[in-house]
Structures are given as C-alpha cells and as structure tokens.
Amino acid sequence: MTSKPASFYETQVTAHLRPLRGQAVILDSDLAWFLGI
C-alpha cells in the first residue's frame, strides 16, 4: 500500500500540532475549527 501525499487540509492541521508533554497535541479551538464545530 502506497502512501498518498498530504492534502492541503492535512498540512494545515499538521501546522497546528504542537509538541507538549512529550507528545503531539492540538488545542481545543484549532480542533474545533478543523472539525467545523
């Protein structure tokens, strides 16, 4: 199975992930915006 290049949307989400407490996290408001809620 080959991997597809990241979509623009995926790239935008990745830009909002932050290393915190040794793991990747996304903040509540960013997650809400990306999920449309």
PDB file of all heavy atoms in Angstrom:
ATOM      1  N   MET A   1       0.842  -1.171   0.000  1.00  0.00           N
ATOM      2  CA  MET A   1       0.000   0.000   0.000  1.00  0.00           C
ATOM      3  C   MET A   1       0.890   1.238   0.000  1.00  0.00           C
ATOM      4  O   MET A   1       1.749   1.400   0.839  1.00  0.00           O
ATOM      5  CB  MET A   1      -0.880  -0.037   1.252  1.00  0.00           C
ATOM      6  CG  MET A   1      -1.780   1.124   1.391  1.00  0.00           C
ATOM      7  SD  MET A   1      -2.750   0.979   2.921  1.00  0.00           S
ATOM      8  CE  MET A   1      -4.339   0.735   2.187  1.00  0.00           C
ATOM      9  N   THR A   2       0.675   2.118  -0.983  1.00  0.00           N
ATOM     10  CA  THR A   2       1.487   3.319  -1.072  1.00  0.00           C
ATOM     11  C   THR A   2       0.811   4.458  -0.340  1.00  0.00           C
ATOM     12  O   THR A   2      -0.407   4.533  -0.260  1.00  0.00           O
ATOM     13  CB  THR A   2       1.694   3.722  -2.554  1.00  0.00           C
ATOM     14  OG1 THR A   2       0.420   3.993  -3.131  1.00  0.00           O
ATOM     15  CG2 THR A   2       2.409   2.636  -3.317  1.00  0.00           C
ATOM     16  N   SER A   3       1.619   5.340   0.187  1.00  0.00           N
ATOM     17  CA  SER A   3       1.042   6.462   0.909  1.00  0.00           C
ATOM     18  C   SER A   3       0.849   7.631  -0.046  1.00  0.00           C
ATOM     19  O   SER A   3       1.664   7.878  -0.925  1.00  0.00           O
ATOM     20  CB  SER A   3       1.932   6.861   2.081  1.00  0.00           C
ATOM     21  OG  SER A   3       3.172   7.304   1.601  1.00  0.00           O
ATOM     22  N   LYS A   4      -0.251   8.333   0.150  1.00  0.00           N
ATOM     23  CA  LYS A   4      -0.560   9.493  -0.666  1.00  0.00           C
ATOM     24  C   LYS A   4       0.104  10.718  -0.055  1.00  0.00           C
ATOM     25  O   LYS A   4       0.289  10.784   1.154  1.00  0.00           O
ATOM     26  CB  LYS A   4      -2.075   9.702  -0.708  1.00  0.00           C
ATOM     27  CG  LYS A   4      -2.820   8.609  -1.409  1.00  0.00           C
ATOM     28  CD  LYS A   4      -4.328   8.676  -1.229  1.00  0.00           C
ATOM     29  CE  LYS A   4      -4.903  10.046  -1.334  1.00  0.00           C
ATOM     30  NZ  LYS A   4      -6.360  10.097  -1.254  1.00  0.00           N
ATOM     31  N   PRO A   5       0.453  11.699  -0.901  1.00  0.00           N
ATOM     32  CA  PRO A   5       0.987  12.929  -0.319  1.00  0.00           C
ATOM     33  C   PRO A   5      -0.090  13.605   0.538  1.00  0.00           C
ATOM     34  O   PRO A   5      -1.276  13.441   0.311  1.00  0.00           O
ATOM     35  CB  PRO A   5       1.335  13.792  -1.541  1.00  0.00           C
ATOM     36  CG  PRO A   5       0.762  13.120  -2.725  1.00  0.00           C
ATOM     37  CD  PRO A   5       0.374  11.731  -2.341  1.00  0.00           C
ATOM     38  N   ALA A   6       0.365  14.333   1.522  1.00  0.00           N
ATOM     39  CA  ALA A   6      -0.562  15.006   2.430  1.00  0.00           C
ATOM     40  C   ALA A   6      -1.404  16.023   1.668  1.00  0.00           C
ATOM     41  O   ALA A   6      -0.897  16.745   0.815  1.00  0.00           O
ATOM     42  CB  ALA A   6       0.206  15.705   3.538  1.00  0.00           C
ATOM     43  N   SER A   7      -2.680  16.059   1.976  1.00  0.00           N
ATOM     44  CA  SER A   7      -3.567  17.044   1.371  1.00  0.00           C
ATOM     45  C   SER A   7      -3.281  18.409   1.989  1.00  0.00           C
ATOM     46  O   SER A   7      -2.638  18.515   3.040  1.00  0.00           O
ATOM     47  CB  SER A   7      -5.027  16.655   1.613  1.00  0.00           C
ATOM     48  OG  SER A   7      -5.346  16.805   2.984  1.00  0.00           O
ATOM     49  N   PHE A   8      -3.803  19.441   1.358  1.00  0.00           N
ATOM     50  CA  PHE A   8      -3.647  20.786   1.904  1.00  0.00           C
ATOM     51  C   PHE A   8      -4.232  20.849   3.312  1.00  0.00           C
ATOM     52  O   PHE A   8      -3.631  21.416   4.222  1.00  0.00           O
ATOM     53  CB  PHE A   8      -4.350  21.804   0.994  1.00  0.00           C
ATOM     54  CG  PHE A   8      -4.364  23.191   1.563  1.00  0.00           C
ATOM     55  CD1 PHE A   8      -3.219  23.979   1.535  1.00  0.00           C
ATOM     56  CD2 PHE A   8      -5.507  23.700   2.144  1.00  0.00           C
ATOM     57  CE1 PHE A   8      -3.223  25.254   2.080  1.00  0.00           C
ATOM     58  CE2 PHE A   8      -5.525  24.980   2.691  1.00  0.00           C
ATOM     59  CZ  PHE A   8      -4.377  25.756   2.653  1.00  0.00           C
ATOM     60  N   TYR A   9      -5.391  20.231   3.485  1.00  0.00           N
ATOM     61  CA  TYR A   9      -6.068  20.230   4.779  1.00  0.00           C
ATOM     62  C   TYR A   9      -5.198  19.548   5.837  1.00  0.00           C
ATOM     63  O   TYR A   9      -5.018  20.051   6.933  1.00  0.00           O
ATOM     64  CB  TYR A   9      -7.415  19.524   4.614  1.00  0.00           C
ATOM     65  CG  TYR A   9      -8.375  19.673   5.771  1.00  0.00           C
ATOM     66  CD1 TYR A   9      -8.956  20.893   6.077  1.00  0.00           C
ATOM     67  CD2 TYR A   9      -8.732  18.583   6.547  1.00  0.00           C
ATOM     68  CE1 TYR A   9      -9.854  21.034   7.117  1.00  0.00           C
ATOM     69  CE2 TYR A   9      -9.633  18.709   7.590  1.00  0.00           C
ATOM     70  CZ  TYR A   9     -10.185  19.933   7.868  1.00  0.00           C
ATOM     71  OH  TYR A   9     -11.060  20.057   8.898  1.00  0.00           O
ATOM     72  N   GLU A  10      -4.633  18.402   5.468  1.00  0.00           N
ATOM     73  CA  GLU A  10      -3.743  17.684   6.396  1.00  0.00           C
ATOM     74  C   GLU A  10      -2.537  18.544   6.769  1.00  0.00           C
ATOM     75  O   GLU A  10      -2.118  18.574   7.922  1.00  0.00           O
ATOM     76  CB  GLU A  10      -3.211  16.419   5.726  1.00  0.00           C
ATOM     77  CG  GLU A  10      -3.797  15.153   6.201  1.00  0.00           C
ATOM     78  CD  GLU A  10      -3.251  13.998   5.398  1.00  0.00           C
ATOM     79  OE1 GLU A  10      -2.150  13.520   5.730  1.00  0.00           O
ATOM     80  OE2 GLU A  10      -3.933  13.591   4.453  1.00  0.00           O
ATOM     81  N   THR A  11      -1.979  19.214   5.773  1.00  0.00           N
ATOM     82  CA  THR A  11      -0.816  20.068   6.008  1.00  0.00           C
ATOM     83  C   THR A  11      -1.165  21.186   6.982  1.00  0.00           C
ATOM     84  O   THR A  11      -0.378  21.521   7.869  1.00  0.00           O
ATOM     85  CB  THR A  11      -0.310  20.652   4.673  1.00  0.00           C
ATOM     86  OG1 THR A  11      -0.010  19.582   3.792  1.00  0.00           O
ATOM     87  CG2 THR A  11       0.922  21.499   4.869  1.00  0.00           C
ATOM     88  N   GLN A  12      -2.357  21.755   6.846  1.00  0.00           N
ATOM     89  CA  GLN A  12      -2.796  22.812   7.747  1.00  0.00           C
ATOM     90  C   GLN A  12      -2.973  22.283   9.173  1.00  0.00           C
ATOM     91  O   GLN A  12      -2.590  22.946  10.133  1.00  0.00           O
ATOM     92  CB  GLN A  12      -4.106  23.441   7.252  1.00  0.00           C
ATOM     93  CG  GLN A  12      -3.934  24.215   5.970  1.00  0.00           C
ATOM     94  CD  GLN A  12      -2.943  25.355   6.139  1.00  0.00           C
ATOM     95  OE1 GLN A  12      -3.086  26.191   7.017  1.00  0.00           O
ATOM     96  NE2 GLN A  12      -1.916  25.381   5.317  1.00  0.00           N
ATOM     97  N   VAL A  13      -3.548  21.103   9.296  1.00  0.00           N
ATOM     98  CA  VAL A  13      -3.714  20.507  10.627  1.00  0.00           C
ATOM     99  C   VAL A  13      -2.340  20.264  11.246  1.00  0.00           C
ATOM    100  O   VAL A  13      -2.100  20.603  12.412  1.00  0.00           O
ATOM    101  CB  VAL A  13      -4.527  19.193  10.572  1.00  0.00           C
ATOM    102  CG1 VAL A  13      -4.560  18.519  11.941  1.00  0.00           C
ATOM    103  CG2 VAL A  13      -5.943  19.454  10.068  1.00  0.00           C
ATOM    104  N   THR A  14      -1.427  19.698  10.470  1.00  0.00           N
ATOM    105  CA  THR A  14      -0.079  19.404  10.967  1.00  0.00           C
ATOM    106  C   THR A  14       0.593  20.673  11.485  1.00  0.00           C
ATOM    107  O   THR A  14       1.273  20.645  12.511  1.00  0.00           O
ATOM    108  CB  THR A  14       0.781  18.740   9.878  1.00  0.00           C
ATOM    109  OG1 THR A  14       0.146  17.533   9.466  1.00  0.00           O
ATOM    110  CG2 THR A  14       2.172  18.427  10.385  1.00  0.00           C
ATOM    111  N   ALA A  15       0.357  21.789  10.809  1.00  0.00           N
ATOM    112  CA  ALA A  15       0.958  23.054  11.239  1.00  0.00           C
ATOM    113  C   ALA A  15       0.422  23.506  12.601  1.00  0.00           C
ATOM    114  O   ALA A  15       1.058  24.316  13.276  1.00  0.00           O
ATOM    115  CB  ALA A  15       0.695  24.140  10.190  1.00  0.00           C
ATOM    116  N   HIS A  16      -0.722  22.971  13.016  1.00  0.00           N
ATOM    117  CA  HIS A  16      -1.314  23.348  14.299  1.00  0.00           C
ATOM    118  C   HIS A  16      -1.059  22.322  15.404  1.00  0.00           C
ATOM    119  O   HIS A  16      -1.499  22.513  16.530  1.00  0.00           O
ATOM    120  CB  HIS A  16      -2.818  23.593  14.144  1.00  0.00           C
ATOM    121  CG  HIS A  16      -3.108  24.873  13.446  1.00  0.00           C
ATOM    122  ND1 HIS A  16      -3.074  24.972  12.078  1.00  0.00           N
ATOM    123  CD2 HIS A  16      -3.399  26.103  13.916  1.00  0.00           C
ATOM    124  CE1 HIS A  16      -3.344  26.222  11.741  1.00  0.00           C
ATOM    125  NE2 HIS A  16      -3.538  26.925  12.839  1.00  0.00           N
ATOM    126  N   LEU A  17      -0.358  21.252  15.076  1.00  0.00           N
ATOM    127  CA  LEU A  17       0.033  20.298  16.120  1.00  0.00           C
ATOM    128  C   LEU A  17       1.256  20.848  16.821  1.00  0.00           C
ATOM    129  O   LEU A  17       2.138  21.421  16.195  1.00  0.00           O
ATOM    130  CB  LEU A  17       0.332  18.926  15.516  1.00  0.00           C
ATOM    131  CG  LEU A  17      -0.843  18.214  14.860  1.00  0.00           C
ATOM    132  CD1 LEU A  17      -0.385  16.892  14.250  1.00  0.00           C
ATOM    133  CD2 LEU A  17      -1.969  17.981  15.840  1.00  0.00           C
ATOM    134  N   ARG A  18       1.309  20.666  18.118  1.00  0.00           N
ATOM    135  CA  ARG A  18       2.415  21.210  18.904  1.00  0.00           C
ATOM    136  C   ARG A  18       2.975  20.136  19.827  1.00  0.00           C
ATOM    137  O   ARG A  18       2.211  19.368  20.400  1.00  0.00           O
ATOM    138  CB  ARG A  18       1.910  22.381  19.749  1.00  0.00           C
ATOM    139  CG  ARG A  18       1.304  23.489  18.901  1.00  0.00           C
ATOM    140  CD  ARG A  18       0.623  24.509  19.696  1.00  0.00           C
ATOM    141  NE  ARG A  18      -0.154  25.528  19.061  1.00  0.00           N
ATOM    142  CZ  ARG A  18      -0.073  26.034  17.855  1.00  0.00           C
ATOM    143  NH1 ARG A  18       0.797  25.585  17.027  1.00  0.00           N
ATOM    144  NH2 ARG A  18      -0.856  26.998  17.445  1.00  0.00           N
ATOM    145  N   PRO A  19       4.297  20.106  19.975  1.00  0.00           N
ATOM    146  CA  PRO A  19       4.865  19.163  20.947  1.00  0.00           C
ATOM    147  C   PRO A  19       4.648  19.695  22.358  1.00  0.00           C
ATOM    148  O   PRO A  19       4.977  20.840  22.660  1.00  0.00           O
ATOM    149  CB  PRO A  19       6.355  19.137  20.576  1.00  0.00           C
ATOM    150  CG  PRO A  19       6.606  20.444  19.901  1.00  0.00           C
ATOM    151  CD  PRO A  19       5.319  20.868  19.267  1.00  0.00           C
ATOM    152  N   LEU A  20       4.024  18.881  23.189  1.00  0.00           N
ATOM    153  CA  LEU A  20       3.742  19.302  24.555  1.00  0.00           C
ATOM    154  C   LEU A  20       3.699  18.070  25.428  1.00  0.00           C
ATOM    155  O   LEU A  20       3.054  17.078  25.073  1.00  0.00           O
ATOM    156  CB  LEU A  20       2.394  20.039  24.598  1.00  0.00           C
ATOM    157  CG  LEU A  20       2.024  20.762  25.873  1.00  0.00           C
ATOM    158  CD1 LEU A  20       3.023  21.872  26.184  1.00  0.00           C
ATOM    159  CD2 LEU A  20       0.641  21.367  25.744  1.00  0.00           C
ATOM    160  N   ARG A  21       4.404  18.117  26.527  1.00  0.00           N
ATOM    161  CA  ARG A  21       4.485  16.982  27.451  1.00  0.00           C
ATOM    162  C   ARG A  21       4.923  15.705  26.734  1.00  0.00           C
ATOM    163  O   ARG A  21       4.460  14.608  27.019  1.00  0.00           O
ATOM    164  CB  ARG A  21       3.153  16.750  28.164  1.00  0.00           C
ATOM    165  CG  ARG A  21       2.715  17.935  29.024  1.00  0.00           C
ATOM    166  CD  ARG A  21       1.492  17.601  29.832  1.00  0.00           C
ATOM    167  NE  ARG A  21       0.961  18.799  30.474  1.00  0.00           N
ATOM    168  CZ  ARG A  21      -0.097  18.817  31.254  1.00  0.00           C
ATOM    169  NH1 ARG A  21      -0.743  17.701  31.515  1.00  0.00           N
ATOM    170  NH2 ARG A  21      -0.523  19.941  31.772  1.00  0.00           N
ATOM    171  N   GLY A  22       5.823  15.879  25.757  1.00  0.00           N
ATOM    172  CA  GLY A  22       6.410  14.729  25.072  1.00  0.00           C
ATOM    173  C   GLY A  22       5.538  14.083  24.017  1.00  0.00           C
ATOM    174  O   GLY A  22       5.833  12.980  23.562  1.00  0.00           O
ATOM    175  N   GLN A  23       4.463  14.750  23.600  1.00  0.00           N
ATOM    176  CA  GLN A  23       3.598  14.179  22.573  1.00  0.00           C
ATOM    177  C   GLN A  23       3.016  15.291  21.710  1.00  0.00           C
ATOM    178  O   GLN A  23       3.078  16.460  22.064  1.00  0.00           O
ATOM    179  CB  GLN A  23       2.497  13.359  23.206  1.00  0.00           C
ATOM    180  CG  GLN A  23       1.655  14.106  24.215  1.00  0.00           C
ATOM    181  CD  GLN A  23       0.822  13.178  25.073  1.00  0.00           C
ATOM    182  OE1 GLN A  23       0.384  12.154  24.611  1.00  0.00           O
ATOM    183  NE2 GLN A  23       0.603  13.551  26.307  1.00  0.00           N
ATOM    184  N   ALA A  24       2.466  14.915  20.570  1.00  0.00           N
ATOM    185  CA  ALA A  24       1.808  15.888  19.703  1.00  0.00           C
ATOM    186  C   ALA A  24       0.409  16.133  20.231  1.00  0.00           C
ATOM    187  O   ALA A  24      -0.302  15.191  20.564  1.00  0.00           O
ATOM    188  CB  ALA A  24       1.748  15.357  18.275  1.00  0.00           C
ATOM    189  N   VAL A  25       0.035  17.404  20.304  1.00  0.00           N
ATOM    190  CA  VAL A  25      -1.320  17.769  20.735  1.00  0.00           C
ATOM    191  C   VAL A  25      -1.868  18.826  19.794  1.00  0.00           C
ATOM    192  O   VAL A  25      -1.120  19.536  19.122  1.00  0.00           O
ATOM    193  CB  VAL A  25      -1.372  18.291  22.190  1.00  0.00           C
ATOM    194  CG1 VAL A  25      -0.887  17.236  23.172  1.00  0.00           C
ATOM    195  CG2 VAL A  25      -0.605  19.582  22.364  1.00  0.00           C
ATOM    196  N   ILE A  26      -3.189  18.931  19.788  1.00  0.00           N
ATOM    197  CA  ILE A  26      -3.861  20.015  19.087  1.00  0.00           C
ATOM    198  C   ILE A  26      -4.752  20.702  20.107  1.00  0.00           C
ATOM    199  O   ILE A  26      -5.389  20.043  20.930  1.00  0.00           O
ATOM    200  CB  ILE A  26      -4.647  19.510  17.851  1.00  0.00           C
ATOM    201  CG1 ILE A  26      -5.162  20.691  17.024  1.00  0.00           C
ATOM    202  CG2 ILE A  26      -5.765  18.556  18.260  1.00  0.00           C
ATOM    203  CD1 ILE A  26      -5.631  20.294  15.627  1.00  0.00           C
ATOM    204  N   LEU A  27      -4.747  22.022  20.064  1.00  0.00           N
ATOM    205  CA  LEU A  27      -5.527  22.779  21.030  1.00  0.00           C
ATOM    206  C   LEU A  27      -7.005  22.779  20.655  1.00  0.00           C
ATOM    207  O   LEU A  27      -7.370  22.650  19.494  1.00  0.00           O
ATOM    208  CB  LEU A  27      -5.001  24.209  21.136  1.00  0.00           C
ATOM    209  CG  LEU A  27      -3.535  24.325  21.573  1.00  0.00           C
ATOM    210  CD1 LEU A  27      -3.128  25.787  21.671  1.00  0.00           C
ATOM    211  CD2 LEU A  27      -3.297  23.607  22.880  1.00  0.00           C
ATOM    212  N   ASP A  28      -7.838  22.943  21.672  1.00  0.00           N
ATOM    213  CA  ASP A  28      -9.293  22.858  21.517  1.00  0.00           C
ATOM    214  C   ASP A  28      -9.845  23.724  20.397  1.00  0.00           C
ATOM    215  O   ASP A  28     -10.595  23.249  19.551  1.00  0.00           O
ATOM    216  CB  ASP A  28      -9.980  23.176  22.830  1.00  0.00           C
ATOM    217  CG  ASP A  28      -9.433  24.420  23.533  1.00  0.00           C
ATOM    218  OD1 ASP A  28      -8.716  25.222  22.886  1.00  0.00           O
ATOM    219  OD2 ASP A  28      -9.711  24.584  24.726  1.00  0.00           O
ATOM    220  N   SER A  29      -9.477  24.997  20.357  1.00  0.00           N
ATOM    221  CA  SER A  29     -10.044  25.894  19.348  1.00  0.00           C
ATOM    222  C   SER A  29      -9.592  25.524  17.943  1.00  0.00           C
ATOM    223  O   SER A  29     -10.363  25.644  16.994  1.00  0.00           O
ATOM    224  CB  SER A  29      -9.713  27.352  19.660  1.00  0.00           C
ATOM    225  OG  SER A  29      -8.314  27.527  19.717  1.00  0.00           O
ATOM    226  N   ASP A  30      -8.344  25.055  17.807  1.00  0.00           N
ATOM    227  CA  ASP A  30      -7.863  24.615  16.495  1.00  0.00           C
ATOM    228  C   ASP A  30      -8.628  23.371  16.049  1.00  0.00           C
ATOM    229  O   ASP A  30      -9.060  23.268  14.897  1.00  0.00           O
ATOM    230  CB  ASP A  30      -6.365  24.307  16.536  1.00  0.00           C
ATOM    231  CG  ASP A  30      -5.514  25.536  16.787  1.00  0.00           C
ATOM    232  OD1 ASP A  30      -5.954  26.654  16.421  1.00  0.00           O
ATOM    233  OD2 ASP A  30      -4.422  25.391  17.347  1.00  0.00           O
ATOM    234  N   LEU A  31      -8.785  22.421  16.951  1.00  0.00           N
ATOM    235  CA  LEU A  31      -9.505  21.193  16.632  1.00  0.00           C
ATOM    236  C   LEU A  31     -10.952  21.504  16.257  1.00  0.00           C
ATOM    237  O   LEU A  31     -11.474  20.977  15.271  1.00  0.00           O
ATOM    238  CB  LEU A  31      -9.445  20.231  17.815  1.00  0.00           C
ATOM    239  CG  LEU A  31     -10.050  18.848  17.620  1.00  0.00           C
ATOM    240  CD1 LEU A  31      -9.431  18.124  16.431  1.00  0.00           C
ATOM    241  CD2 LEU A  31      -9.878  18.018  18.888  1.00  0.00           C
ATOM    242  N   ALA A  32     -11.584  22.394  16.997  1.00  0.00           N
ATOM    243  CA  ALA A  32     -12.969  22.772  16.690  1.00  0.00           C
ATOM    244  C   ALA A  32     -13.065  23.388  15.299  1.00  0.00           C
ATOM    245  O   ALA A  32     -13.958  23.052  14.520  1.00  0.00           O
ATOM    246  CB  ALA A  32     -13.490  23.746  17.743  1.00  0.00           C
ATOM    247  N   TRP A  33     -12.136  24.259  14.982  1.00  0.00           N
ATOM    248  CA  TRP A  33     -12.164  24.914  13.671  1.00  0.00           C
ATOM    249  C   TRP A  33     -12.012  23.889  12.549  1.00  0.00           C
ATOM    250  O   TRP A  33     -12.760  23.911  11.575  1.00  0.00           O
ATOM    251  CB  TRP A  33     -11.066  25.970  13.587  1.00  0.00           C
ATOM    252  CG  TRP A  33     -11.180  26.795  12.346  1.00  0.00           C
ATOM    253  CD1 TRP A  33     -11.986  27.872  12.152  1.00  0.00           C
ATOM    254  CD2 TRP A  33     -10.476  26.592  11.132  1.00  0.00           C
ATOM    255  NE1 TRP A  33     -11.830  28.351  10.877  1.00  0.00           N
ATOM    256  CE2 TRP A  33     -10.911  27.583  10.224  1.00  0.00           C
ATOM    257  CE3 TRP A  33      -9.525  25.659  10.712  1.00  0.00           C
ATOM    258  CZ2 TRP A  33     -10.426  27.685   8.926  1.00  0.00           C
ATOM    259  CZ3 TRP A  33      -9.049  25.752   9.408  1.00  0.00           C
ATOM    260  CH2 TRP A  33      -9.495  26.760   8.533  1.00  0.00           C
ATOM    261  N   PHE A  34     -11.050  22.986  12.688  1.00  0.00           N
ATOM    262  CA  PHE A  34     -10.828  21.992  11.640  1.00  0.00           C
ATOM    263  C   PHE A  34     -12.007  21.039  11.487  1.00  0.00           C
ATOM    264  O   PHE A  34     -12.277  20.556  10.400  1.00  0.00           O
ATOM    265  CB  PHE A  34      -9.542  21.197  11.894  1.00  0.00           C
ATOM    266  CG  PHE A  34      -8.302  21.989  11.615  1.00  0.00           C
ATOM    267  CD1 PHE A  34      -7.408  22.280  12.630  1.00  0.00           C
ATOM    268  CD2 PHE A  34      -8.028  22.468  10.348  1.00  0.00           C
ATOM    269  CE1 PHE A  34      -6.274  23.026  12.385  1.00  0.00           C
ATOM    270  CE2 PHE A  34      -6.898  23.221  10.085  1.00  0.00           C
ATOM    271  CZ  PHE A  34      -6.020  23.497  11.106  1.00  0.00           C
ATOM    272  N   LEU A  35     -12.694  20.777  12.575  1.00  0.00           N
ATOM    273  CA  LEU A  35     -13.813  19.841  12.531  1.00  0.00           C
ATOM    274  C   LEU A  35     -15.145  20.531  12.232  1.00  0.00           C
ATOM    275  O   LEU A  35     -16.169  19.879  12.075  1.00  0.00           O
ATOM    276  CB  LEU A  35     -13.905  19.076  13.850  1.00  0.00           C
ATOM    277  CG  LEU A  35     -12.694  18.191  14.132  1.00  0.00           C
ATOM    278  CD1 LEU A  35     -12.798  17.578  15.518  1.00  0.00           C
ATOM    279  CD2 LEU A  35     -12.536  17.113  13.074  1.00  0.00           C
ATOM    280  N   GLY A  36     -15.123  21.843  12.164  1.00  0.00           N
ATOM    281  CA  GLY A  36     -16.326  22.578  11.815  1.00  0.00           C
ATOM    282  C   GLY A  36     -17.369  22.616  12.916  1.00  0.00           C
ATOM    283  O   GLY A  36     -18.568  22.637  12.644  1.00  0.00           O
ATOM    284  N   ILE A  37     -16.905  22.622  14.157  1.00  0.00           N
ATOM    285  CA  ILE A  37     -17.823  22.717  15.293  1.00  0.00           C
ATOM    286  C   ILE A  37     -17.361  23.856  16.196  1.00  0.00           C
ATOM    287  O   ILE A  37     -16.263  24.384  16.032  1.00  0.00           O
ATOM    288  CB  ILE A  37     -17.915  21.386  16.084  1.00  0.00           C
ATOM    289  CG1 ILE A  37     -16.556  20.982  16.654  1.00  0.00           C
ATOM    290  CG2 ILE A  37     -18.492  20.280  15.212  1.00  0.00           C
ATOM    291  CD1 ILE A  37     -16.591  19.732  17.514  1.00  0.00           C
TER     292      ILE A  37
END
